[in-house]
Amino acid sequence: MKRHQFSERWFLTPFRHLTDDHRLWGIRRKNVVPAVAIGVFFAFMPVPGHPIWASFAALAWRVNIPVAALTTFLANPLTIGPMYFFAYRLGAWLLNMEQQPFDVEMSFDWVTHTFVNIWQPMLLGCLLLGTLSSLLAYVGLDLLWRSSLGNYKDRKREQRNKK
């Protein structure tokens, strides 16, 4: 989807004047690295609509919206169970709570019977793991990008000196 097509969506009407900013769509280190960190953070949050939340955060921080939205798919049907399980265990351990049986099921019944009893340790664990993971993603991708850029510039310099 092209940038102008995206900004013409009905739900973006209040933000249309903001979507013309090139930082929201550009592929530069200063726009992509924080967007990845935002996406990773929201991937750990136990709320529906990860890409929407990450898009709004990217819009607020003026970083790449598509990258932030796509990075949230780190939480997918294969990974969401282990992510939330580990977050719950971490939160229960930090809050010194007795750990209950834990099984993630995306249903209304699970939310009303299980989640209401485990939300505090799970939310704490999700916040901590989301923050730590986004920090690691930011630092790791930034270092990788800088290293790659340095290697690229070195190769170009060598090619220029050979001529």
C-alpha atoms as a PDB file:
ATOM      1  CA  MET A   1       0.000   0.000   0.000  1.00  0.00           C
ATOM      2  CA  LYS A   2       1.361   3.413  -0.954  1.00  0.00           C
ATOM      3  CA  ARG A   3       1.714   6.213   1.570  1.00  0.00           C
ATOM      4  CA  HIS A   4      -1.017   8.378   0.044  1.00  0.00           C
ATOM      5  CA  GLN A   5      -3.412   5.400  -0.051  1.00  0.00           C
ATOM      6  CA  PHE A   6      -2.746   4.697   3.610  1.00  0.00           C
ATOM      7  CA  SER A   7      -3.338   8.300   4.658  1.00  0.00           C
ATOM      8  CA  GLU A   8      -6.688   8.360   2.848  1.00  0.00           C
ATOM      9  CA  ARG A   9      -8.198   5.701   5.135  1.00  0.00           C
ATOM     10  CA  TRP A  10     -11.279   6.889   7.043  1.00  0.00           C
ATOM     11  CA  PHE A  11      -9.841   6.051  10.468  1.00  0.00           C
ATOM     12  CA  LEU A  12      -6.830   8.281   9.834  1.00  0.00           C
ATOM     13  CA  THR A  13      -8.882  11.388   9.085  1.00  0.00           C
ATOM     14  CA  PRO A  14      -7.909  13.103  12.370  1.00  0.00           C
ATOM     15  CA  PHE A  15      -4.239  12.322  11.690  1.00  0.00           C
ATOM     16  CA  ARG A  16      -4.099  13.019   7.962  1.00  0.00           C
ATOM     17  CA  HIS A  17      -1.992  16.149   8.416  1.00  0.00           C
ATOM     18  CA  LEU A  18       0.541  14.085  10.375  1.00  0.00           C
ATOM     19  CA  THR A  19       0.882  11.260   7.857  1.00  0.00           C
ATOM     20  CA  ASP A  20       2.670  13.458   5.301  1.00  0.00           C
ATOM     21  CA  ASP A  21       5.804  13.472   7.449  1.00  0.00           C
ATOM     22  CA  HIS A  22       8.588  11.600   5.600  1.00  0.00           C
ATOM     23  CA  ARG A  23       9.965  10.248   8.894  1.00  0.00           C
ATOM     24  CA  LEU A  24       6.868   8.071   9.245  1.00  0.00           C
ATOM     25  CA  TRP A  25       7.672   6.187   6.050  1.00  0.00           C
ATOM     26  CA  GLY A  26      11.432   6.579   5.460  1.00  0.00           C
ATOM     27  CA  ILE A  27      13.930   3.748   5.717  1.00  0.00           C
ATOM     28  CA  ARG A  28      16.662   5.393   7.738  1.00  0.00           C
ATOM     29  CA  ARG A  29      18.338   4.196  10.887  1.00  0.00           C
ATOM     30  CA  LYS A  30      16.834   7.006  12.969  1.00  0.00           C
ATOM     31  CA  ASN A  31      13.323   6.058  11.812  1.00  0.00           C
ATOM     32  CA  VAL A  32      13.532   2.272  11.664  1.00  0.00           C
ATOM     33  CA  VAL A  33      15.474   1.330  14.802  1.00  0.00           C
ATOM     34  CA  PRO A  34      13.064   3.042  17.239  1.00  0.00           C
ATOM     35  CA  ALA A  35      10.115   1.695  15.237  1.00  0.00           C
ATOM     36  CA  VAL A  36      11.374  -1.857  15.719  1.00  0.00           C
ATOM     37  CA  ALA A  37      11.747  -1.215  19.446  1.00  0.00           C
ATOM     38  CA  ILE A  38       8.176   0.110  19.622  1.00  0.00           C
ATOM     39  CA  GLY A  39       6.849  -2.910  17.731  1.00  0.00           C
ATOM     40  CA  VAL A  40       8.699  -5.362  19.963  1.00  0.00           C
ATOM     41  CA  PHE A  41       7.399  -3.613  23.079  1.00  0.00           C
ATOM     42  CA  PHE A  42       3.778  -3.771  21.922  1.00  0.00           C
ATOM     43  CA  ALA A  43       4.195  -7.398  20.837  1.00  0.00           C
ATOM     44  CA  PHE A  44       4.521  -8.302  24.521  1.00  0.00           C
ATOM     45  CA  MET A  45       1.476  -6.351  25.684  1.00  0.00           C
ATOM     46  CA  PRO A  46      -1.586  -8.484  26.512  1.00  0.00           C
ATOM     47  CA  VAL A  47      -4.016  -6.271  24.619  1.00  0.00           C
ATOM     48  CA  PRO A  48      -5.714  -6.827  21.283  1.00  0.00           C
ATOM     49  CA  GLY A  49      -4.666  -4.808  18.255  1.00  0.00           C
ATOM     50  CA  HIS A  50      -0.886  -4.738  18.621  1.00  0.00           C
ATOM     51  CA  PRO A  51      -0.301  -3.176  15.179  1.00  0.00           C
ATOM     52  CA  ILE A  52      -2.774  -0.379  15.870  1.00  0.00           C
ATOM     53  CA  TRP A  53      -1.185   0.532  19.205  1.00  0.00           C
ATOM     54  CA  ALA A  54       2.302   0.391  17.698  1.00  0.00           C
ATOM     55  CA  SER A  55       1.175   2.559  14.764  1.00  0.00           C
ATOM     56  CA  PHE A  56      -0.185   5.216  17.082  1.00  0.00           C
ATOM     57  CA  ALA A  57       3.011   5.144  19.151  1.00  0.00           C
ATOM     58  CA  ALA A  58       5.112   5.412  15.972  1.00  0.00           C
ATOM     59  CA  LEU A  59       2.971   8.321  14.856  1.00  0.00           C
ATOM     60  CA  ALA A  60       3.457  10.038  18.212  1.00  0.00           C
ATOM     61  CA  TRP A  61       7.241   9.500  18.152  1.00  0.00           C
ATOM     62  CA  ARG A  62       7.506  10.235  14.435  1.00  0.00           C
ATOM     63  CA  VAL A  63       9.179   6.978  13.434  1.00  0.00           C
ATOM     64  CA  ASN A  64       8.422   4.459  10.677  1.00  0.00           C
ATOM     65  CA  ILE A  65       4.791   3.339  11.036  1.00  0.00           C
ATOM     66  CA  PRO A  66       4.863   0.204   8.826  1.00  0.00           C
ATOM     67  CA  VAL A  67       7.969  -1.151  10.554  1.00  0.00           C
ATOM     68  CA  ALA A  68       6.445  -0.605  14.002  1.00  0.00           C
ATOM     69  CA  ALA A  69       3.200  -2.296  12.969  1.00  0.00           C
ATOM     70  CA  LEU A  70       4.896  -5.261  11.284  1.00  0.00           C
ATOM     71  CA  THR A  71       7.304  -5.872  14.154  1.00  0.00           C
ATOM     72  CA  THR A  72       4.363  -6.556  16.462  1.00  0.00           C
ATOM     73  CA  PHE A  73       3.842  -9.819  14.600  1.00  0.00           C
ATOM     74  CA  LEU A  74       6.642 -11.179  16.745  1.00  0.00           C
ATOM     75  CA  ALA A  75       3.619 -12.138  18.855  1.00  0.00           C
ATOM     76  CA  ASN A  76       1.861 -14.666  16.674  1.00  0.00           C
ATOM     77  CA  PRO A  77      -0.084 -17.857  17.362  1.00  0.00           C
ATOM     78  CA  LEU A  78       3.160 -19.827  17.729  1.00  0.00           C
ATOM     79  CA  THR A  79       4.952 -17.425  20.058  1.00  0.00           C
ATOM     80  CA  ILE A  80       2.221 -15.773  22.115  1.00  0.00           C
ATOM     81  CA  GLY A  81       1.748 -18.733  24.472  1.00  0.00           C
ATOM     82  CA  PRO A  82       5.404 -19.007  25.507  1.00  0.00           C
ATOM     83  CA  MET A  83       5.753 -15.204  25.685  1.00  0.00           C
ATOM     84  CA  TYR A  84       2.800 -14.796  28.051  1.00  0.00           C
ATOM     85  CA  PHE A  85       3.685 -17.912  30.030  1.00  0.00           C
ATOM     86  CA  PHE A  86       7.183 -16.627  30.725  1.00  0.00           C
ATOM     87  CA  ALA A  87       5.825 -13.153  31.474  1.00  0.00           C
ATOM     88  CA  TYR A  88       3.353 -14.620  33.972  1.00  0.00           C
ATOM     89  CA  ARG A  89       6.036 -16.719  35.654  1.00  0.00           C
ATOM     90  CA  LEU A  90       8.373 -13.729  35.904  1.00  0.00           C
ATOM     91  CA  GLY A  91       5.647 -11.460  37.289  1.00  0.00           C
ATOM     92  CA  ALA A  92       4.481 -14.064  39.817  1.00  0.00           C
ATOM     93  CA  TRP A  93       8.063 -14.594  40.955  1.00  0.00           C
ATOM     94  CA  LEU A  94       8.690 -10.840  41.330  1.00  0.00           C
ATOM     95  CA  LEU A  95       5.413 -10.306  43.203  1.00  0.00           C
ATOM     96  CA  ASN A  96       6.103 -13.397  45.339  1.00  0.00           C
ATOM     97  CA  MET A  97       2.742 -14.878  44.384  1.00  0.00           C
ATOM     98  CA  GLU A  98       1.798 -18.526  44.231  1.00  0.00           C
ATOM     99  CA  GLN A  99       1.854 -19.610  40.616  1.00  0.00           C
ATOM    100  CA  GLN A 100      -1.407 -20.962  39.242  1.00  0.00           C
ATOM    101  CA  PRO A 101      -1.815 -23.314  36.304  1.00  0.00           C
ATOM    102  CA  PHE A 102      -1.385 -21.265  33.162  1.00  0.00           C
ATOM    103  CA  ASP A 103      -2.739 -21.913  29.706  1.00  0.00           C
ATOM    104  CA  VAL A 104      -3.280 -19.203  27.088  1.00  0.00           C
ATOM    105  CA  GLU A 105      -6.494 -19.466  25.144  1.00  0.00           C
ATOM    106  CA  MET A 106      -7.824 -16.551  23.135  1.00  0.00           C
ATOM    107  CA  SER A 107     -11.453 -16.797  24.193  1.00  0.00           C
ATOM    108  CA  PHE A 108     -13.929 -14.838  26.250  1.00  0.00           C
ATOM    109  CA  ASP A 109     -14.110 -17.698  28.753  1.00  0.00           C
ATOM    110  CA  TRP A 110     -10.322 -17.578  29.308  1.00  0.00           C
ATOM    111  CA  VAL A 111     -10.438 -13.813  29.849  1.00  0.00           C
ATOM    112  CA  THR A 112     -13.316 -13.997  32.346  1.00  0.00           C
ATOM    113  CA  HIS A 113     -12.070 -17.002  34.330  1.00  0.00           C
ATOM    114  CA  THR A 114      -8.297 -17.213  34.044  1.00  0.00           C
ATOM    115  CA  PHE A 115      -7.002 -13.791  33.057  1.00  0.00           C
ATOM    116  CA  VAL A 116      -8.891 -12.001  35.856  1.00  0.00           C
ATOM    117  CA  ASN A 117      -6.891 -14.057  38.359  1.00  0.00           C
ATOM    118  CA  ILE A 118      -3.463 -13.712  36.773  1.00  0.00           C
ATOM    119  CA  TRP A 119      -3.532 -10.248  35.215  1.00  0.00           C
ATOM    120  CA  GLN A 120      -1.282  -8.526  37.774  1.00  0.00           C
ATOM    121  CA  PRO A 121       1.764 -10.812  37.511  1.00  0.00           C
ATOM    122  CA  MET A 122       1.210 -11.269  33.793  1.00  0.00           C
ATOM    123  CA  LEU A 123       1.024  -7.537  33.147  1.00  0.00           C
ATOM    124  CA  LEU A 124       4.124  -6.884  35.242  1.00  0.00           C
ATOM    125  CA  GLY A 125       6.004  -9.610  33.389  1.00  0.00           C
ATOM    126  CA  CYS A 126       4.790  -8.320  30.022  1.00  0.00           C
ATOM    127  CA  LEU A 127       5.887  -4.771  30.843  1.00  0.00           C
ATOM    128  CA  LEU A 128       9.316  -5.919  32.002  1.00  0.00           C
ATOM    129  CA  LEU A 129       9.888  -8.352  29.136  1.00  0.00           C
ATOM    130  CA  GLY A 130       8.524  -5.868  26.603  1.00  0.00           C
ATOM    131  CA  THR A 131      10.796  -3.121  27.892  1.00  0.00           C
ATOM    132  CA  LEU A 132      13.858  -5.367  28.052  1.00  0.00           C
ATOM    133  CA  SER A 133      13.185  -6.903  24.636  1.00  0.00           C
ATOM    134  CA  SER A 134      12.619  -3.534  23.007  1.00  0.00           C
ATOM    135  CA  LEU A 135      15.811  -2.189  24.556  1.00  0.00           C
ATOM    136  CA  LEU A 136      17.757  -5.204  23.289  1.00  0.00           C
ATOM    137  CA  ALA A 137      16.162  -4.883  19.853  1.00  0.00           C
ATOM    138  CA  TYR A 138      17.018  -1.172  19.735  1.00  0.00           C
ATOM    139  CA  VAL A 139      20.647  -1.616  20.757  1.00  0.00           C
ATOM    140  CA  GLY A 140      21.173  -4.748  18.656  1.00  0.00           C
ATOM    141  CA  LEU A 141      19.642  -3.357  15.478  1.00  0.00           C
ATOM    142  CA  ASP A 142      21.390  -0.017  15.927  1.00  0.00           C
ATOM    143  CA  LEU A 143      24.766  -1.717  16.275  1.00  0.00           C
ATOM    144  CA  LEU A 144      24.039  -3.997  13.324  1.00  0.00           C
ATOM    145  CA  TRP A 145      22.918  -1.066  11.170  1.00  0.00           C
ATOM    146  CA  ARG A 146      25.965   1.045  12.083  1.00  0.00           C
ATOM    147  CA  SER A 147      28.301  -1.871  11.432  1.00  0.00           C
ATOM    148  CA  SER A 148      26.662  -2.581   8.086  1.00  0.00           C
ATOM    149  CA  LEU A 149      26.849   1.073   7.118  1.00  0.00           C
ATOM    150  CA  GLY A 150      30.510   1.212   8.116  1.00  0.00           C
ATOM    151  CA  ASN A 151      31.279  -1.872   6.018  1.00  0.00           C
ATOM    152  CA  TYR A 152      29.405  -0.379   3.065  1.00  0.00           C
ATOM    153  CA  LYS A 153      31.353   2.876   3.284  1.00  0.00           C
ATOM    154  CA  ASP A 154      34.649   0.973   3.577  1.00  0.00           C
ATOM    155  CA  ARG A 155      33.865  -1.057   0.433  1.00  0.00           C
ATOM    156  CA  LYS A 156      32.937   2.084  -1.499  1.00  0.00           C
ATOM    157  CA  ARG A 157      36.126   3.804  -0.351  1.00  0.00           C
ATOM    158  CA  GLU A 158      38.209   0.803  -1.473  1.00  0.00           C
ATOM    159  CA  GLN A 159      36.492   0.731  -4.871  1.00  0.00           C
ATOM    160  CA  ARG A 160      37.108   4.451  -5.301  1.00  0.00           C
ATOM    161  CA  ASN A 161      40.798   4.088  -4.371  1.00  0.00           C
ATOM    162  CA  LYS A 162      41.297   1.219  -6.880  1.00  0.00           C
ATOM    163  CA  LYS A 163      40.230   3.435  -9.786  1.00  0.00           C
END
